[in-house]
PDB file of all heavy atoms in Angstrom:
ATOM      1  N   VAL A   1      54.145  20.753  57.921  1.00  0.00           N
ATOM      2  CA  VAL A   1      54.493  22.171  57.926  1.00  0.00           C
ATOM      3  C   VAL A   1      55.221  22.478  59.227  1.00  0.00           C
ATOM      4  O   VAL A   1      54.750  22.102  60.313  1.00  0.00           O
ATOM      5  CB  VAL A   1      53.236  23.066  57.824  1.00  0.00           C
ATOM      6  CG1 VAL A   1      53.631  24.541  57.743  1.00  0.00           C
ATOM      7  CG2 VAL A   1      52.388  22.681  56.625  1.00  0.00           C
ATOM      8  N   ARG A   2      56.344  23.172  59.118  1.00  0.00           N
ATOM      9  CA  ARG A   2      56.995  23.640  60.351  1.00  0.00           C
ATOM     10  C   ARG A   2      56.337  24.937  60.796  1.00  0.00           C
ATOM     11  O   ARG A   2      55.967  25.781  59.970  1.00  0.00           O
ATOM     12  CB  ARG A   2      58.493  23.871  60.130  1.00  0.00           C
ATOM     13  CG  ARG A   2      59.205  24.217  61.454  1.00  0.00           C
ATOM     14  CD  ARG A   2      60.668  24.530  61.275  1.00  0.00           C
ATOM     15  NE  ARG A   2      61.258  24.958  62.533  1.00  0.00           N
ATOM     16  CZ  ARG A   2      62.461  25.534  62.649  1.00  0.00           C
ATOM     17  NH1 ARG A   2      63.203  25.744  61.581  1.00  0.00           N
ATOM     18  NH2 ARG A   2      62.901  25.910  63.826  1.00  0.00           N
ATOM     19  N   HIS A   3      56.190  25.088  62.108  1.00  0.00           N
ATOM     20  CA  HIS A   3      55.620  26.325  62.651  1.00  0.00           C
ATOM     21  C   HIS A   3      56.453  27.532  62.230  1.00  0.00           C
ATOM     22  O   HIS A   3      57.582  27.408  61.756  1.00  0.00           O
ATOM     23  CB  HIS A   3      55.543  26.246  64.183  1.00  0.00           C
ATOM     24  CG  HIS A   3      56.885  26.159  64.845  1.00  0.00           C
ATOM     25  ND1 HIS A   3      57.731  27.253  65.008  1.00  0.00           N
ATOM     26  CD2 HIS A   3      57.547  25.116  65.390  1.00  0.00           C
ATOM     27  CE1 HIS A   3      58.833  26.885  65.620  1.00  0.00           C
ATOM     28  NE2 HIS A   3      58.761  25.581  65.862  1.00  0.00           N
ATOM     29  N   GLY A   4      55.923  28.719  62.451  1.00  0.00           N
ATOM     30  CA  GLY A   4      56.626  29.942  62.075  1.00  0.00           C
ATOM     31  C   GLY A   4      57.606  30.427  63.129  1.00  0.00           C
ATOM     32  O   GLY A   4      57.750  29.830  64.212  1.00  0.00           O
ATOM     33  N   GLU A   5      58.265  31.533  62.800  1.00  0.00           N
ATOM     34  CA  GLU A   5      59.221  32.147  63.723  1.00  0.00           C
ATOM     35  C   GLU A   5      58.538  32.522  65.038  1.00  0.00           C
ATOM     36  O   GLU A   5      57.347  32.839  65.064  1.00  0.00           O
ATOM     37  CB  GLU A   5      59.845  33.385  63.069  1.00  0.00           C
ATOM     38  CG  GLU A   5      60.816  34.163  63.933  1.00  0.00           C
ATOM     39  CD  GLU A   5      62.062  33.370  64.312  1.00  0.00           C
ATOM     40  OE1 GLU A   5      61.931  32.394  65.057  1.00  0.00           O
ATOM     41  OE2 GLU A   5      63.154  33.739  63.855  1.00  0.00           O
ATOM     42  N   THR A   6      59.302  32.472  66.108  1.00  0.00           N
ATOM     43  CA  THR A   6      58.750  32.739  67.443  1.00  0.00           C
ATOM     44  C   THR A   6      59.362  34.015  68.028  1.00  0.00           C
ATOM     45  O   THR A   6      60.342  34.556  67.522  1.00  0.00           O
ATOM     46  CB  THR A   6      59.047  31.575  68.391  1.00  0.00           C
ATOM     47  OG1 THR A   6      60.473  31.500  68.602  1.00  0.00           O
ATOM     48  CG2 THR A   6      58.534  30.260  67.826  1.00  0.00           C
ATOM     49  N   VAL A   7      58.806  34.444  69.149  1.00  0.00           N
ATOM     50  CA  VAL A   7      59.355  35.615  69.844  1.00  0.00           C
ATOM     51  C   VAL A   7      60.759  35.317  70.359  1.00  0.00           C
ATOM     52  O   VAL A   7      61.529  36.229  70.612  1.00  0.00           O
ATOM     53  CB  VAL A   7      58.444  36.055  71.001  1.00  0.00           C
ATOM     54  CG1 VAL A   7      57.096  36.523  70.484  1.00  0.00           C
ATOM     55  CG2 VAL A   7      58.257  34.936  72.019  1.00  0.00           C
ATOM     56  N   GLY A   8      61.116  34.064  70.517  1.00  0.00           N
ATOM     57  CA  GLY A   8      62.440  33.695  70.999  1.00  0.00           C
ATOM     58  C   GLY A   8      63.428  33.364  69.902  1.00  0.00           C
ATOM     59  O   GLY A   8      64.495  32.838  70.192  1.00  0.00           O
ATOM     60  N   GLN A   9      63.066  33.669  68.646  1.00  0.00           N
ATOM     61  CA  GLN A   9      63.943  33.414  67.494  1.00  0.00           C
ATOM     62  C   GLN A   9      64.288  31.935  67.334  1.00  0.00           C
ATOM     63  O   GLN A   9      65.440  31.516  67.463  1.00  0.00           O
ATOM     64  CB  GLN A   9      65.235  34.229  67.593  1.00  0.00           C
ATOM     65  CG  GLN A   9      65.061  35.717  67.372  1.00  0.00           C
ATOM     66  CD  GLN A   9      66.412  36.412  67.348  1.00  0.00           C
ATOM     67  OE1 GLN A   9      67.080  36.533  68.369  1.00  0.00           O
ATOM     68  NE2 GLN A   9      66.823  36.858  66.176  1.00  0.00           N
ATOM     69  N   SER A  10      63.295  31.147  67.026  1.00  0.00           N
ATOM     70  CA  SER A  10      63.521  29.721  66.772  1.00  0.00           C
ATOM     71  C   SER A  10      64.396  29.478  65.553  1.00  0.00           C
ATOM     72  O   SER A  10      64.889  28.366  65.354  1.00  0.00           O
ATOM     73  CB  SER A  10      62.172  29.008  66.589  1.00  0.00           C
ATOM     74  OG  SER A  10      61.487  28.914  67.822  1.00  0.00           O
ATOM     75  N   SER A  11      64.594  30.502  64.731  1.00  0.00           N
ATOM     76  CA  SER A  11      65.474  30.364  63.569  1.00  0.00           C
ATOM     77  C   SER A  11      66.920  30.139  63.984  1.00  0.00           C
ATOM     78  O   SER A  11      67.710  29.569  63.231  1.00  0.00           O
ATOM     79  CB  SER A  11      65.380  31.603  62.673  1.00  0.00           C
ATOM     80  OG  SER A  11      65.613  32.790  63.424  1.00  0.00           O
ATOM     81  N   ILE A  12      67.294  30.578  65.200  1.00  0.00           N
ATOM     82  CA  ILE A  12      68.688  30.420  65.636  1.00  0.00           C
ATOM     83  C   ILE A  12      68.814  29.801  67.025  1.00  0.00           C
ATOM     84  O   ILE A  12      69.903  29.343  67.386  1.00  0.00           O
ATOM     85  CB  ILE A  12      69.437  31.769  65.629  1.00  0.00           C
ATOM     86  CG1 ILE A  12      68.794  32.773  66.591  1.00  0.00           C
ATOM     87  CG2 ILE A  12      69.511  32.333  64.219  1.00  0.00           C
ATOM     88  CD1 ILE A  12      69.593  34.040  66.795  1.00  0.00           C
ATOM     89  N   ARG A  13      67.727  29.739  67.793  1.00  0.00           N
ATOM     90  CA  ARG A  13      67.819  29.286  69.184  1.00  0.00           C
ATOM     91  C   ARG A  13      67.115  27.954  69.417  1.00  0.00           C
ATOM     92  O   ARG A  13      66.171  27.606  68.708  1.00  0.00           O
ATOM     93  CB  ARG A  13      67.260  30.346  70.143  1.00  0.00           C
ATOM     94  CG  ARG A  13      68.085  31.621  70.113  1.00  0.00           C
ATOM     95  CD  ARG A  13      67.805  32.561  71.267  1.00  0.00           C
ATOM     96  NE  ARG A  13      68.761  33.668  71.207  1.00  0.00           N
ATOM     97  CZ  ARG A  13      69.957  33.629  71.768  1.00  0.00           C
ATOM     98  NH1 ARG A  13      70.338  32.558  72.458  1.00  0.00           N
ATOM     99  NH2 ARG A  13      70.787  34.660  71.665  1.00  0.00           N
ATOM    100  N   LEU A  14      67.587  27.225  70.419  1.00  0.00           N
ATOM    101  CA  LEU A  14      67.078  25.902  70.736  1.00  0.00           C
ATOM    102  C   LEU A  14      65.892  26.005  71.700  1.00  0.00           C
ATOM    103  O   LEU A  14      66.069  26.050  72.915  1.00  0.00           O
ATOM    104  CB  LEU A  14      68.190  25.045  71.362  1.00  0.00           C
ATOM    105  CG  LEU A  14      69.431  24.831  70.490  1.00  0.00           C
ATOM    106  CD1 LEU A  14      70.529  24.161  71.306  1.00  0.00           C
ATOM    107  CD2 LEU A  14      69.078  24.003  69.265  1.00  0.00           C
ATOM    108  N   TYR A  15      64.704  26.075  71.132  1.00  0.00           N
ATOM    109  CA  TYR A  15      63.495  26.050  71.949  1.00  0.00           C
ATOM    110  C   TYR A  15      62.780  24.736  71.680  1.00  0.00           C
ATOM    111  O   TYR A  15      62.234  24.521  70.608  1.00  0.00           O
ATOM    112  CB  TYR A  15      62.598  27.238  71.631  1.00  0.00           C
ATOM    113  CG  TYR A  15      63.130  28.525  72.192  1.00  0.00           C
ATOM    114  CD1 TYR A  15      63.693  29.492  71.358  1.00  0.00           C
ATOM    115  CD2 TYR A  15      63.105  28.780  73.566  1.00  0.00           C
ATOM    116  CE1 TYR A  15      64.204  30.660  71.876  1.00  0.00           C
ATOM    117  CE2 TYR A  15      63.615  29.948  74.090  1.00  0.00           C
ATOM    118  CZ  TYR A  15      64.158  30.888  73.244  1.00  0.00           C
ATOM    119  OH  TYR A  15      64.678  32.045  73.771  1.00  0.00           O
ATOM    120  N   GLY A  16      62.829  23.851  72.647  1.00  0.00           N
ATOM    121  CA  GLY A  16      62.170  22.561  72.518  1.00  0.00           C
ATOM    122  C   GLY A  16      60.931  22.515  73.380  1.00  0.00           C
ATOM    123  O   GLY A  16      59.813  22.725  72.918  1.00  0.00           O
ATOM    124  N   SER A  17      61.112  22.275  74.671  1.00  0.00           N
ATOM    125  CA  SER A  17      59.984  22.178  75.593  1.00  0.00           C
ATOM    126  C   SER A  17      59.465  23.531  76.039  1.00  0.00           C
ATOM    127  O   SER A  17      58.383  23.629  76.595  1.00  0.00           O
ATOM    128  CB  SER A  17      60.397  21.365  76.825  1.00  0.00           C
ATOM    129  OG  SER A  17      61.452  22.012  77.527  1.00  0.00           O
ATOM    130  N   THR A  18      60.239  24.607  75.802  1.00  0.00           N
ATOM    131  CA  THR A  18      59.801  25.950  76.185  1.00  0.00           C
ATOM    132  C   THR A  18      58.611  26.357  75.323  1.00  0.00           C
ATOM    133  O   THR A  18      58.686  26.317  74.095  1.00  0.00           O
ATOM    134  CB  THR A  18      60.941  26.965  76.009  1.00  0.00           C
ATOM    135  OG1 THR A  18      62.084  26.517  76.745  1.00  0.00           O
ATOM    136  CG2 THR A  18      60.521  28.329  76.515  1.00  0.00           C
ATOM    137  N   ASP A  19      57.532  26.753  75.967  1.00  0.00           N
ATOM    138  CA  ASP A  19      56.284  27.029  75.238  1.00  0.00           C
ATOM    139  C   ASP A  19      56.191  28.516  74.891  1.00  0.00           C
ATOM    140  O   ASP A  19      55.555  29.299  75.592  1.00  0.00           O
ATOM    141  CB  ASP A  19      55.078  26.598  76.080  1.00  0.00           C
ATOM    142  CG  ASP A  19      53.808  26.452  75.265  1.00  0.00           C
ATOM    143  OD1 ASP A  19      53.886  26.521  74.015  1.00  0.00           O
ATOM    144  OD2 ASP A  19      52.728  26.284  75.870  1.00  0.00           O
ATOM    145  N   ILE A  20      56.838  28.898  73.808  1.00  0.00           N
ATOM    146  CA  ILE A  20      56.874  30.291  73.394  1.00  0.00           C
ATOM    147  C   ILE A  20      55.926  30.521  72.218  1.00  0.00           C
ATOM    148  O   ILE A  20      55.686  29.635  71.405  1.00  0.00           O
ATOM    149  CB  ILE A  20      58.304  30.718  73.022  1.00  0.00           C
ATOM    150  CG1 ILE A  20      58.922  29.751  72.013  1.00  0.00           C
ATOM    151  CG2 ILE A  20      59.177  30.828  74.256  1.00  0.00           C
ATOM    152  CD1 ILE A  20      60.292  30.153  71.522  1.00  0.00           C
ATOM    153  N   PRO A  21      55.368  31.742  72.093  1.00  0.00           N
ATOM    154  CA  PRO A  21      54.403  32.027  71.025  1.00  0.00           C
ATOM    155  C   PRO A  21      55.074  32.422  69.720  1.00  0.00           C
ATOM    156  O   PRO A  21      56.274  32.703  69.663  1.00  0.00           O
ATOM    157  CB  PRO A  21      53.604  33.210  71.595  1.00  0.00           C
ATOM    158  CG  PRO A  21      54.599  33.930  72.452  1.00  0.00           C
ATOM    159  CD  PRO A  21      55.464  32.856  73.069  1.00  0.00           C
ATOM    160  N   LEU A  22      54.282  32.464  68.680  1.00  0.00           N
ATOM    161  CA  LEU A  22      54.736  32.970  67.393  1.00  0.00           C
ATOM    162  C   LEU A  22      55.002  34.466  67.478  1.00  0.00           C
ATOM    163  O   LEU A  22      54.359  35.188  68.227  1.00  0.00           O
ATOM    164  CB  LEU A  22      53.682  32.741  66.305  1.00  0.00           C
ATOM    165  CG  LEU A  22      53.393  31.318  65.836  1.00  0.00           C
ATOM    166  CD1 LEU A  22      52.347  31.356  64.728  1.00  0.00           C
ATOM    167  CD2 LEU A  22      54.642  30.611  65.359  1.00  0.00           C
ATOM    168  N   SER A  23      55.960  34.915  66.683  1.00  0.00           N
ATOM    169  CA  SER A  23      56.202  36.348  66.515  1.00  0.00           C
ATOM    170  C   SER A  23      55.315  36.844  65.365  1.00  0.00           C
ATOM    171  O   SER A  23      54.728  36.043  64.628  1.00  0.00           O
ATOM    172  CB  SER A  23      57.670  36.589  66.179  1.00  0.00           C
ATOM    173  OG  SER A  23      57.959  36.091  64.875  1.00  0.00           O
ATOM    174  N   PRO A  24      55.233  38.162  65.163  1.00  0.00           N
ATOM    175  CA  PRO A  24      54.494  38.660  64.000  1.00  0.00           C
ATOM    176  C   PRO A  24      55.020  38.104  62.676  1.00  0.00           C
ATOM    177  O   PRO A  24      54.237  37.822  61.769  1.00  0.00           O
ATOM    178  CB  PRO A  24      54.688  40.185  64.094  1.00  0.00           C
ATOM    179  CG  PRO A  24      54.833  40.435  65.568  1.00  0.00           C
ATOM    180  CD  PRO A  24      55.619  39.259  66.077  1.00  0.00           C
ATOM    181  N   ILE A  25      56.348  37.910  62.581  1.00  0.00           N
ATOM    182  CA  ILE A  25      56.905  37.303  61.355  1.00  0.00           C
ATOM    183  C   ILE A  25      56.398  35.874  61.209  1.00  0.00           C
ATOM    184  O   ILE A  25      56.037  35.431  60.119  1.00  0.00           O
ATOM    185  CB  ILE A  25      58.439  37.340  61.376  1.00  0.00           C
ATOM    186  CG1 ILE A  25      58.947  38.760  61.216  1.00  0.00           C
ATOM    187  CG2 ILE A  25      59.023  36.440  60.271  1.00  0.00           C
ATOM    188  CD1 ILE A  25      60.453  38.896  61.313  1.00  0.00           C
ATOM    189  N   GLY A  26      56.346  35.135  62.323  1.00  0.00           N
ATOM    190  CA  GLY A  26      55.844  33.764  62.289  1.00  0.00           C
ATOM    191  C   GLY A  26      54.388  33.705  61.844  1.00  0.00           C
ATOM    192  O   GLY A  26      53.996  32.802  61.080  1.00  0.00           O
ATOM    193  N   GLU A  27      53.595  34.635  62.327  1.00  0.00           N
ATOM    194  CA  GLU A  27      52.184  34.695  61.907  1.00  0.00           C
ATOM    195  C   GLU A  27      52.106  34.928  60.386  1.00  0.00           C
ATOM    196  O   GLU A  27      51.300  34.301  59.702  1.00  0.00           O
ATOM    197  CB  GLU A  27      51.474  35.813  62.648  1.00  0.00           C
ATOM    198  CG  GLU A  27      51.382  35.616  64.160  1.00  0.00           C
ATOM    199  CD  GLU A  27      50.043  35.072  64.607  1.00  0.00           C
ATOM    200  OE1 GLU A  27      49.081  35.094  63.809  1.00  0.00           O
ATOM    201  OE2 GLU A  27      49.960  34.620  65.772  1.00  0.00           O
ATOM    202  N   ALA A  28      52.954  35.818  59.879  1.00  0.00           N
ATOM    203  CA  ALA A  28      52.953  36.101  58.445  1.00  0.00           C
ATOM    204  C   ALA A  28      53.415  34.896  57.629  1.00  0.00           C
ATOM    205  O   ALA A  28      52.858  34.595  56.567  1.00  0.00           O
ATOM    206  CB  ALA A  28      53.842  37.316  58.162  1.00  0.00           C
ATOM    207  N   GLN A  29      54.439  34.203  58.130  1.00  0.00           N
ATOM    208  CA  GLN A  29      54.928  33.004  57.432  1.00  0.00           C
ATOM    209  C   GLN A  29      53.816  31.970  57.290  1.00  0.00           C
ATOM    210  O   GLN A  29      53.630  31.379  56.222  1.00  0.00           O
ATOM    211  CB  GLN A  29      56.106  32.399  58.189  1.00  0.00           C
ATOM    212  CG  GLN A  29      57.395  33.187  58.073  1.00  0.00           C
ATOM    213  CD  GLN A  29      58.467  32.667  59.018  1.00  0.00           C
ATOM    214  OE1 GLN A  29      58.172  32.227  60.114  1.00  0.00           O
ATOM    215  NE2 GLN A  29      59.709  32.727  58.581  1.00  0.00           N
TER     216      GLN A  29
END
């Protein structure tokens, strides 16, 4: 399973080692 959307918009941005949390949309996904 791929993790959900993040506060940094992982749907369009390159977040690899950056430790960002899920967004509310990611939690819902």
